[in-house]
Amino acid sequence: MNKTTSPARSHKHVYACRLIAGLLIATYILCSPCASHAQKTIVAIPKATILNFWKIVCTGAHEAAKGQDINLIWRGPRVENKSKAQQYLLEYYTEQNVDAIVIAPADKTALNKHIDKAVDAGIIVVVIDSPTTTDSPHSYIATNNYKAGEQGAELLLQNVTTKGPLLLIGHAATNGATFLRENGFINKTSELSPGRTIIRLHIKDGSERATRIATEEILKTMPNIAGIFAVNEPTSDGMLNILEKQVELNIPFVGFDYNKRLLQGIKENKIQALITQKPYAMGYFGVKAAIDLLNGKKNPKQMESPTTTIITKDNLELSLSLRCLRKLSEEEKSNCPICFN
């Protein structure tokens, strides 16, 4: 005689099978390598977000994170020289326990304790563009700013035709990168033109407007200025604004960094030369260094690019290779980042 299964026993059997299957699936999920993987978060804090230079850095940073399962957060003050805003961001993201921070410090000392705190919390910190005076960051990637300042002196003195003083338009004295450029300019000028007077101007808030106001006043009181060197994009913009307004001025001028307006200044002979960095590569290698360190790879403690690109009217076409959306080739990415090729 065939045995029949009661509906109650049948339901219990199905339930038991489902329960076992569910436990097996849960065990697989918990033991699966994918389950233990968590997306890494890297926060990039630039000096400013609205300047052309930092927009290009941003482009390079996102290229490095592409395809890496990285959550890249790009957040910073709108304009430069806002170290308190950067302090707040460092504190906030340290409390959020992100995996890595890539920062371009607006102040060489004011951020030290906040960077130290992040490192002590186990966060990878990579500094780009400007140095700090703490040794705690895991890596530092920047232009050789002192050498770039020396180039500024060489280029300006090649165009100067009178014995008058030179005007050095600096940024805030606490800005590590521009401070190095200023010192490089001063020392090289003393070497190439001994006894030459240098008027050193610091623009505390680092803006184009403040540069324009301060420089305009100096040019009124000292009409014998023989040449001018500006150390970054906003100070170069401010100086160009004056030369465009006061067409009677014919003073050799060397600027730093670039944007469409500054390139137009070269075309119109208002600017004799622009010293340009490689911001795309700086953003790319800054984030790449953070990713490598997170993956346990070794990374040099300090990487300074010895090269800059000098743009003059004779080679203006070079500026096309510096445009915002330029992407590095695979060969360029594999080259040593110390050369930023």
Protein backbone atom coordinates (compact mmCIF):
# COMPACT_ATOMS: atom_id res chain seq x y z
CA MET A 1 0.00 0.00 0.00
CA ASN A 2 1.38 3.46 -0.96
CA LYS A 3 2.02 5.87 1.80
CA THR A 4 0.55 9.35 1.46
CA THR A 5 2.06 12.48 2.92
CA SER A 6 -0.24 14.68 4.87
CA PRO A 7 -0.51 18.35 3.82
CA ALA A 8 0.97 19.43 7.17
CA ARG A 9 4.07 17.26 6.76
CA SER A 10 4.44 18.45 3.14
CA HIS A 11 4.41 22.08 4.18
CA LYS A 12 6.99 21.40 6.90
CA HIS A 13 9.25 19.69 4.37
CA VAL A 14 9.05 22.63 1.94
CA TYR A 15 9.67 25.09 4.74
CA ALA A 16 12.72 23.13 5.92
CA CYS A 17 14.15 23.08 2.37
CA ARG A 18 13.63 26.79 1.97
CA LEU A 19 15.25 27.45 5.33
CA ILE A 20 18.32 25.37 4.42
CA ALA A 21 18.57 27.07 1.03
CA GLY A 22 18.32 30.47 2.69
CA LEU A 23 21.07 29.62 5.15
CA LEU A 24 23.32 28.40 2.34
CA ILE A 25 22.80 31.63 0.38
CA ALA A 26 23.45 33.76 3.48
CA THR A 27 26.63 31.79 4.20
CA TYR A 28 27.81 32.33 0.61
CA ILE A 29 27.14 36.06 0.79
CA LEU A 30 28.96 36.44 4.11
CA CYS A 31 31.95 34.40 2.94
CA SER A 32 32.10 35.84 -0.56
CA PRO A 33 35.10 38.12 -1.28
CA CYS A 34 32.71 40.69 -2.76
CA ALA A 35 30.87 41.03 0.53
CA SER A 36 34.00 41.99 2.43
CA HIS A 37 34.88 44.64 -0.13
CA ALA A 38 33.95 48.22 0.68
CA GLN A 39 34.37 51.11 -1.72
CA LYS A 40 37.17 53.45 -0.66
CA THR A 41 36.53 57.17 -0.24
CA ILE A 42 39.16 59.75 -1.16
CA VAL A 43 38.55 63.44 -0.46
CA ALA A 44 40.45 65.98 -2.56
CA ILE A 45 40.66 69.47 -1.03
CA PRO A 46 42.06 72.09 -3.44
CA LYS A 47 43.07 75.63 -2.54
CA ALA A 48 40.18 76.94 -4.64
CA THR A 49 37.49 75.63 -6.96
CA ILE A 50 36.79 78.51 -9.37
CA LEU A 51 40.29 79.15 -10.75
CA ASN A 52 41.26 77.59 -14.07
CA PHE A 53 44.31 75.90 -12.51
CA TRP A 54 42.24 73.99 -9.95
CA LYS A 55 39.60 73.00 -12.48
CA ILE A 56 42.35 71.26 -14.44
CA VAL A 57 43.69 69.62 -11.27
CA CYS A 58 40.13 68.36 -10.68
CA THR A 59 40.01 66.82 -14.16
CA GLY A 60 43.23 64.90 -13.54
CA ALA A 61 42.08 63.75 -10.11
CA HIS A 62 38.88 62.25 -11.48
CA GLU A 63 40.75 60.53 -14.30
CA ALA A 64 42.94 58.76 -11.73
CA ALA A 65 39.86 57.52 -9.84
CA LYS A 66 38.08 56.29 -12.96
CA GLY A 67 37.57 52.53 -12.97
CA GLN A 68 39.15 52.12 -9.52
CA ASP A 69 35.97 51.63 -7.45
CA ILE A 70 36.83 54.86 -5.64
CA ASN A 71 34.36 57.41 -4.33
CA LEU A 72 36.19 60.67 -5.04
CA ILE A 73 34.88 63.79 -3.30
CA TRP A 74 36.18 67.12 -4.65
CA ARG A 75 35.47 69.91 -2.17
CA GLY A 76 37.24 73.14 -1.28
CA PRO A 77 36.84 76.90 -0.83
CA ARG A 78 35.85 78.94 -3.88
CA VAL A 79 38.93 81.17 -3.72
CA GLU A 80 42.48 80.74 -2.47
CA ASN A 81 43.95 81.69 0.90
CA LYS A 82 41.02 80.30 2.90
CA SER A 83 42.93 78.03 5.27
CA LYS A 84 40.14 78.10 7.88
CA ALA A 85 37.76 76.55 5.37
CA GLN A 86 40.34 73.85 4.69
CA GLN A 87 40.75 73.29 8.44
CA TYR A 88 37.02 72.69 8.74
CA LEU A 89 37.03 70.23 5.82
CA LEU A 90 40.00 68.34 7.29
CA GLU A 91 38.27 68.07 10.65
CA TYR A 92 34.96 67.03 9.12
CA TYR A 93 36.36 64.29 6.88
CA THR A 94 38.67 63.03 9.62
CA GLU A 95 35.59 62.56 11.81
CA GLN A 96 33.90 60.80 8.88
CA ASN A 97 36.87 58.43 8.85
CA VAL A 98 37.43 58.58 5.09
CA ASP A 99 40.18 56.42 3.65
CA ALA A 100 42.43 59.12 2.17
CA ILE A 101 42.73 62.89 1.82
CA VAL A 102 44.55 64.69 -0.99
CA ILE A 103 45.06 68.34 -0.06
CA ALA A 104 46.70 71.44 -1.49
CA PRO A 105 47.36 73.50 1.68
CA ALA A 106 46.63 77.22 1.45
CA ASP A 107 48.87 77.82 4.47
CA LYS A 108 52.19 76.09 5.15
CA THR A 109 51.70 75.95 8.95
CA ALA A 110 48.02 76.55 9.85
CA LEU A 111 46.91 73.08 8.69
CA ASN A 112 49.68 71.09 10.36
CA LYS A 113 47.81 69.88 13.45
CA HIS A 114 44.75 68.99 11.37
CA ILE A 115 46.86 66.97 8.94
CA ASP A 116 48.63 65.28 11.86
CA LYS A 117 45.26 64.39 13.39
CA ALA A 118 44.09 62.78 10.14
CA VAL A 119 47.30 60.73 9.84
CA ASP A 120 47.03 59.65 13.51
CA ALA A 121 43.47 58.48 12.76
CA GLY A 122 44.85 56.11 10.13
CA ILE A 123 43.89 58.22 7.10
CA ILE A 124 46.28 58.37 4.13
CA VAL A 125 47.23 62.02 3.48
CA VAL A 126 48.83 63.17 0.23
CA VAL A 127 49.84 66.82 -0.09
CA ILE A 128 49.95 68.41 -3.55
CA ASP A 129 51.03 71.78 -4.97
CA SER A 130 52.21 73.46 -1.76
CA PRO A 131 54.38 72.20 1.10
CA THR A 132 53.54 72.13 4.78
CA THR A 133 55.99 72.24 7.67
CA THR A 134 54.80 68.96 9.18
CA ASP A 135 56.44 65.72 8.10
CA SER A 136 53.40 63.53 8.74
CA PRO A 137 51.88 63.38 5.20
CA HIS A 138 52.54 60.12 3.40
CA SER A 139 53.52 61.81 0.14
CA TYR A 140 54.13 65.28 -1.35
CA ILE A 141 53.69 66.01 -5.08
CA ALA A 142 54.37 69.44 -6.56
CA THR A 143 56.24 71.57 -9.05
CA ASN A 144 59.75 72.56 -8.00
CA ASN A 145 58.49 76.01 -7.04
CA TYR A 146 61.86 77.47 -6.09
CA LYS A 147 63.26 76.61 -9.51
CA ALA A 148 60.14 78.04 -11.16
CA GLY A 149 60.80 81.33 -9.36
CA GLU A 150 64.36 81.30 -10.69
CA GLN A 151 62.96 80.86 -14.19
CA GLY A 152 60.78 83.91 -13.61
CA ALA A 153 63.85 86.02 -12.85
CA GLU A 154 65.73 84.74 -15.90
CA LEU A 155 62.82 85.39 -18.26
CA LEU A 156 62.09 88.85 -16.88
CA LEU A 157 65.70 90.03 -16.97
CA GLN A 158 65.94 88.92 -20.60
CA ASN A 159 63.23 91.48 -21.40
CA VAL A 160 64.18 94.33 -19.04
CA THR A 161 65.89 97.28 -20.73
CA THR A 162 66.25 99.79 -17.86
CA LYS A 163 68.04 99.84 -14.50
CA GLY A 164 64.90 100.52 -12.44
CA PRO A 165 63.49 98.29 -9.69
CA LEU A 166 61.57 95.09 -10.31
CA LEU A 167 58.10 94.53 -8.89
CA LEU A 168 57.50 91.07 -7.41
CA ILE A 169 53.77 90.44 -6.92
CA GLY A 170 53.55 87.69 -4.32
CA HIS A 171 50.65 85.87 -2.76
CA ALA A 172 50.06 85.59 0.99
CA ALA A 173 53.37 85.09 2.80
CA THR A 174 51.99 81.89 4.37
CA ASN A 175 51.38 80.23 0.99
CA GLY A 176 54.14 77.61 0.73
CA ALA A 177 54.29 77.32 -3.07
CA THR A 178 54.31 81.01 -3.93
CA PHE A 179 56.70 81.79 -1.07
CA LEU A 180 59.23 79.41 -2.67
CA ARG A 181 58.71 81.05 -6.07
CA GLU A 182 59.31 84.47 -4.56
CA ASN A 183 62.55 83.36 -2.91
CA GLY A 184 63.75 81.69 -6.09
CA PHE A 185 63.04 84.89 -8.02
CA ILE A 186 64.82 87.11 -5.49
CA ASN A 187 67.96 84.97 -5.23
CA LYS A 188 68.31 84.47 -8.99
CA THR A 189 67.80 88.19 -9.61
CA SER A 190 70.55 89.00 -7.09
CA GLU A 191 72.82 86.58 -8.92
CA LEU A 192 72.08 87.84 -12.45
CA SER A 193 71.60 91.54 -11.68
CA PRO A 194 73.53 92.39 -8.47
CA GLY A 195 72.28 95.47 -6.66
CA ARG A 196 68.94 95.52 -8.47
CA THR A 197 66.12 96.71 -6.19
CA ILE A 198 63.15 94.37 -5.81
CA ILE A 199 59.84 95.64 -4.46
CA ARG A 200 58.11 92.67 -2.86
CA LEU A 201 54.34 92.92 -2.63
CA HIS A 202 52.23 90.37 -0.72
CA ILE A 203 48.55 90.10 -1.62
CA LYS A 204 47.03 88.87 1.62
CA ASP A 205 43.69 87.63 0.28
CA GLY A 206 45.30 86.44 -2.97
CA SER A 207 42.58 87.79 -5.24
CA GLU A 208 42.73 89.39 -8.67
CA ARG A 209 40.92 92.48 -7.34
CA ALA A 210 43.31 93.01 -4.41
CA THR A 211 46.26 92.60 -6.77
CA ARG A 212 44.86 95.19 -9.13
CA ILE A 213 44.24 97.76 -6.38
CA ALA A 214 47.63 97.34 -4.68
CA THR A 215 49.68 97.22 -7.87
CA GLU A 216 47.96 100.19 -9.44
CA GLU A 217 48.94 102.31 -6.42
CA ILE A 218 52.58 101.23 -6.61
CA LEU A 219 52.82 102.02 -10.32
CA LYS A 220 51.46 105.52 -9.67
CA THR A 221 54.07 106.28 -7.02
CA MET A 222 56.95 104.47 -8.77
CA PRO A 223 56.74 105.01 -12.53
CA ASN A 224 60.31 103.75 -13.02
CA ILE A 225 59.44 100.07 -12.47
CA ALA A 226 61.58 98.14 -14.97
CA GLY A 227 59.78 94.79 -14.91
CA ILE A 228 57.09 92.77 -13.15
CA PHE A 229 56.79 89.13 -12.06
CA ALA A 230 53.52 87.69 -10.69
CA VAL A 231 53.62 84.35 -8.89
CA ASN A 232 50.26 82.68 -9.73
CA GLU A 233 47.05 82.89 -11.75
CA PRO A 234 45.05 85.52 -9.78
CA THR A 235 48.04 87.86 -9.32
CA SER A 236 48.85 87.51 -13.02
CA ASP A 237 45.21 88.27 -13.89
CA GLY A 238 45.27 91.38 -11.69
CA MET A 239 48.45 92.73 -13.27
CA LEU A 240 47.18 92.07 -16.79
CA ASN A 241 44.01 94.00 -15.98
CA ILE A 242 46.09 97.10 -15.20
CA LEU A 243 48.18 96.78 -18.37
CA GLU A 244 45.00 96.48 -20.43
CA LYS A 245 43.45 99.57 -18.84
CA GLN A 246 46.58 101.71 -18.89
CA VAL A 247 47.71 101.24 -22.48
CA GLU A 248 50.50 103.78 -22.04
CA LEU A 249 52.34 101.38 -19.73
CA ASN A 250 55.02 99.38 -21.50
CA ILE A 251 56.58 97.30 -18.73
CA PRO A 252 57.98 93.79 -19.30
CA PHE A 253 55.74 91.34 -17.47
CA VAL A 254 56.18 87.62 -16.73
CA GLY A 255 53.20 85.77 -15.27
CA PHE A 256 52.55 82.35 -13.76
CA ASP A 257 49.98 79.68 -14.67
CA TYR A 258 47.53 80.28 -17.49
CA ASN A 259 43.96 80.77 -18.62
CA LYS A 260 42.39 82.06 -21.84
CA ARG A 261 42.71 85.67 -20.76
CA LEU A 262 46.41 85.37 -19.91
CA LEU A 263 47.09 83.65 -23.24
CA GLN A 264 45.36 86.55 -24.96
CA GLY A 265 47.69 88.87 -23.04
CA ILE A 266 50.65 87.13 -24.70
CA LYS A 267 49.06 87.56 -28.13
CA GLU A 268 48.65 91.28 -27.46
CA ASN A 269 52.24 91.69 -26.16
CA LYS A 270 51.04 92.62 -22.68
CA ILE A 271 52.76 89.53 -21.25
CA GLN A 272 56.23 88.47 -22.36
CA ALA A 273 56.04 84.94 -20.93
CA LEU A 274 53.93 82.61 -18.79
CA ILE A 275 55.48 79.91 -16.61
CA THR A 276 53.00 77.05 -16.63
CA GLN A 277 52.79 73.95 -14.46
CA LYS A 278 51.13 70.62 -15.23
CA PRO A 279 47.95 70.76 -13.13
CA TYR A 280 46.26 67.81 -14.86
CA ALA A 281 49.19 65.56 -13.98
CA MET A 282 49.33 66.97 -10.44
CA GLY A 283 45.71 66.02 -9.82
CA TYR A 284 46.15 62.64 -11.50
CA PHE A 285 49.28 61.62 -9.61
CA GLY A 286 47.99 63.03 -6.31
CA VAL A 287 44.95 60.74 -6.36
CA LYS A 288 46.94 57.87 -7.88
CA ALA A 289 49.43 58.10 -4.98
CA ALA A 290 46.55 57.89 -2.51
CA ILE A 291 45.12 54.83 -4.29
CA ASP A 292 48.52 53.14 -4.40
CA LEU A 293 49.09 53.76 -0.70
CA LEU A 294 45.63 52.41 0.13
CA ASN A 295 46.52 49.27 -1.82
CA GLY A 296 49.73 48.81 0.14
CA LYS A 297 52.07 49.95 -2.61
CA LYS A 298 55.13 52.02 -1.83
CA ASN A 299 55.15 55.65 -2.91
CA PRO A 300 57.99 58.21 -2.77
CA LYS A 301 57.75 60.56 0.20
CA GLN A 302 58.45 63.56 -2.02
CA MET A 303 58.04 64.07 -5.77
CA GLU A 304 58.87 67.45 -7.28
CA SER A 305 58.59 68.01 -11.01
CA PRO A 306 61.73 69.74 -12.31
CA THR A 307 59.96 70.84 -15.47
CA THR A 308 57.62 73.70 -16.32
CA THR A 309 56.43 74.88 -19.73
CA ILE A 310 57.31 78.41 -20.81
CA ILE A 311 54.71 79.97 -23.10
CA THR A 312 55.72 82.98 -25.22
CA LYS A 313 54.35 84.51 -28.40
CA ASP A 314 56.78 82.37 -30.40
CA ASN A 315 55.38 79.06 -29.12
CA LEU A 316 51.79 79.95 -28.26
CA GLU A 317 50.57 76.75 -29.91
CA LEU A 318 52.02 74.85 -26.93
CA SER A 319 49.12 76.15 -24.88
CA LEU A 320 46.83 73.80 -26.81
CA SER A 321 48.48 70.84 -25.08
CA LEU A 322 47.69 72.41 -21.69
CA ARG A 323 43.95 72.77 -22.20
CA CYS A 324 41.59 71.70 -19.44
CA LEU A 325 40.36 68.44 -20.94
CA ARG A 326 43.71 67.08 -22.10
CA LYS A 327 44.08 63.45 -21.08
CA LEU A 328 47.31 61.63 -20.35
CA SER A 329 48.17 58.75 -22.65
CA GLU A 330 48.81 55.31 -21.18
CA GLU A 331 52.51 55.82 -21.84
CA GLU A 332 52.48 59.13 -19.95
CA LYS A 333 50.72 57.52 -17.00
CA SER A 334 53.34 54.80 -16.77
CA ASN A 335 56.25 57.26 -16.77
CA CYS A 336 57.87 58.37 -13.55
CA PRO A 337 55.58 61.02 -12.03
CA ILE A 338 58.60 63.00 -10.84
CA CYS A 339 58.90 64.35 -14.39
CA PHE A 340 55.13 64.77 -14.92
CA ASN A 341 55.56 63.68 -18.55
